[in-house]
Protein backbone atom coordinates (compact mmCIF):
# COMPACT_ATOMS: atom_id res chain seq x y z
CA UNK A 1 0.00 0.00 0.00
CA UNK A 2 1.34 3.40 -0.98
CA UNK A 3 2.18 5.80 1.84
CA UNK A 4 3.24 9.44 1.69
CA UNK A 5 4.88 11.41 4.49
CA UNK A 6 5.62 15.15 4.38
CA UNK A 7 8.37 16.84 6.35
CA UNK A 8 10.31 20.11 6.35
CA UNK A 9 7.57 22.58 7.21
CA UNK A 10 7.54 25.16 9.95
CA UNK A 11 7.78 28.88 10.61
CA UNK A 12 9.79 31.11 8.29
CA UNK A 13 10.05 34.87 7.85
CA UNK A 14 8.96 36.61 4.65
CA UNK A 15 11.68 36.37 2.04
CA UNK A 16 13.02 33.15 3.48
CA UNK A 17 13.20 29.67 2.00
CA UNK A 18 12.37 26.12 2.92
CA UNK A 19 12.39 22.68 1.37
CA UNK A 20 9.51 20.28 1.80
CA UNK A 21 10.04 16.55 1.46
CA UNK A 22 7.57 13.85 0.49
CA UNK A 23 8.82 10.38 1.33
CA UNK A 24 7.06 7.67 -0.68
CA UNK A 25 6.92 4.06 0.46
CA UNK A 26 5.24 0.98 -0.98
CA UNK A 27 6.10 1.56 -4.64
CA UNK A 28 8.58 3.13 -7.02
CA UNK A 29 8.26 6.72 -8.21
CA UNK A 30 8.26 5.36 -11.78
CA UNK A 31 4.60 4.43 -11.31
CA UNK A 32 3.27 7.66 -9.82
CA UNK A 33 3.01 11.29 -10.65
CA UNK A 34 3.54 13.34 -7.49
CA UNK A 35 1.94 16.70 -6.80
CA UNK A 36 2.04 19.27 -4.03
CA UNK A 37 -1.21 20.94 -3.01
CA UNK A 38 -1.88 23.51 -0.34
CA UNK A 39 -4.88 24.85 1.52
CA UNK A 40 -4.93 28.16 3.35
CA UNK A 41 -7.57 28.94 6.00
CA UNK A 42 -10.94 29.58 4.38
CA UNK A 43 -9.68 28.81 0.88
CA UNK A 44 -9.90 25.92 -1.54
CA UNK A 45 -7.08 23.55 -2.33
CA UNK A 46 -4.54 24.92 -4.76
CA UNK A 47 -2.23 22.84 -6.91
CA UNK A 48 1.32 24.12 -6.36
CA UNK A 49 3.58 21.86 -8.41
CA UNK A 50 3.81 18.37 -9.85
CA UNK A 51 6.34 16.03 -11.42
CA UNK A 52 5.48 13.19 -13.78
CA UNK A 53 6.38 9.58 -13.08
CA UNK A 54 8.96 9.70 -15.86
CA UNK A 55 10.57 12.72 -14.21
CA UNK A 56 10.48 14.55 -17.54
CA UNK A 57 7.54 16.88 -16.97
CA UNK A 58 7.11 19.48 -14.25
CA UNK A 59 4.36 22.03 -13.74
CA UNK A 60 4.04 25.03 -11.44
CA UNK A 61 1.19 27.24 -10.37
CA UNK A 62 1.47 30.86 -11.46
CA UNK A 63 1.57 31.88 -7.81
CA UNK A 64 4.93 30.12 -7.26
CA UNK A 65 6.43 30.07 -10.75
CA UNK A 66 9.98 31.37 -10.76
CA UNK A 67 10.55 30.84 -7.06
CA UNK A 68 9.76 27.15 -6.71
CA UNK A 69 11.47 23.95 -7.84
CA UNK A 70 10.16 20.41 -7.67
CA UNK A 71 12.66 17.56 -7.84
CA UNK A 72 13.02 13.93 -6.89
CA UNK A 73 15.53 11.38 -5.67
CA UNK A 74 14.65 7.95 -7.05
CA UNK A 75 17.12 6.21 -4.73
CA UNK A 76 15.55 7.72 -1.62
CA UNK A 77 12.07 7.55 -3.21
CA UNK A 78 11.50 11.14 -2.16
CA UNK A 79 10.07 14.20 -3.90
CA UNK A 80 11.13 17.69 -2.84
CA UNK A 81 9.56 21.12 -3.15
CA UNK A 82 11.93 24.06 -2.77
CA UNK A 83 10.19 27.35 -2.02
CA UNK A 84 12.10 30.63 -2.14
CA UNK A 85 11.16 34.26 -1.53
CA UNK A 86 8.33 33.16 0.70
CA UNK A 87 5.34 35.45 1.17
CA UNK A 88 2.67 35.54 3.88
CA UNK A 89 0.18 34.28 1.31
CA UNK A 90 2.21 31.07 1.07
CA UNK A 91 0.97 30.20 4.56
CA UNK A 92 -1.02 26.98 4.28
CA UNK A 93 -1.12 23.29 5.02
CA UNK A 94 0.87 21.58 2.30
CA UNK A 95 0.00 18.09 1.08
CA UNK A 96 1.74 15.75 -1.30
CA UNK A 97 -0.36 13.39 -3.37
CA UNK A 98 0.23 10.53 -5.81
CA UNK A 99 -1.54 9.58 -9.04
CA UNK A 100 -1.20 6.18 -10.73
CA UNK A 101 0.43 7.11 -14.05
CA UNK A 102 3.14 4.52 -14.85
CA UNK A 103 6.00 5.95 -16.90
CA UNK A 104 3.91 8.97 -17.87
CA UNK A 105 5.27 12.19 -19.33
CA UNK A 106 2.47 14.36 -17.96
CA UNK A 107 1.18 15.53 -14.60
CA UNK A 108 -1.73 17.68 -13.51
CA UNK A 109 -2.39 20.30 -10.85
CA UNK A 110 -6.12 19.63 -10.94
CA UNK A 111 -7.02 18.03 -7.63
CA UNK A 112 -10.53 16.84 -8.47
CA UNK A 113 -9.92 14.95 -11.71
CA UNK A 114 -9.99 11.67 -9.80
CA UNK A 115 -6.36 10.72 -10.35
CA UNK A 116 -4.84 11.65 -6.98
CA UNK A 117 -5.85 8.73 -4.80
CA UNK A 118 -3.04 8.77 -2.24
CA UNK A 119 -2.38 11.64 0.14
CA UNK A 120 -0.01 12.52 2.94
CA UNK A 121 -1.14 13.88 6.29
CA UNK A 122 -0.19 17.45 5.43
CA UNK A 123 2.35 19.78 7.00
CA UNK A 124 2.01 23.39 8.16
CA UNK A 125 4.00 26.18 6.54
CA UNK A 126 3.69 29.56 8.21
CA UNK A 127 5.29 32.68 6.72
CA UNK A 128 5.26 35.49 9.25
CA UNK A 129 7.53 37.98 10.96
């Protein structure tokens, strides 16, 4: 059974950086597209970034484009999300999710298309002075 575990969140000042980790167990990353979503208080889920199971395709939300990088380590079976130049509006609970897309060259930031069937517990990121 696939399991996802986020780590690396916490409190950071505006303009700072952090790296979130999503450790995947139970299967290889070759079979799953991995996405990061976030939900701020009173707001809907927002797709932040995703990486395809092939590792060849990466997408970013406009809100983080240019200051965010998604990457993966296939040996550690871990996906990372680097966030730079953090803003208060980045404050949210961040979730990683997996979609069954073996050796696919695409990934999606649409949460409700039915493909993301595995989710982590979520981790808090707070950007405040």
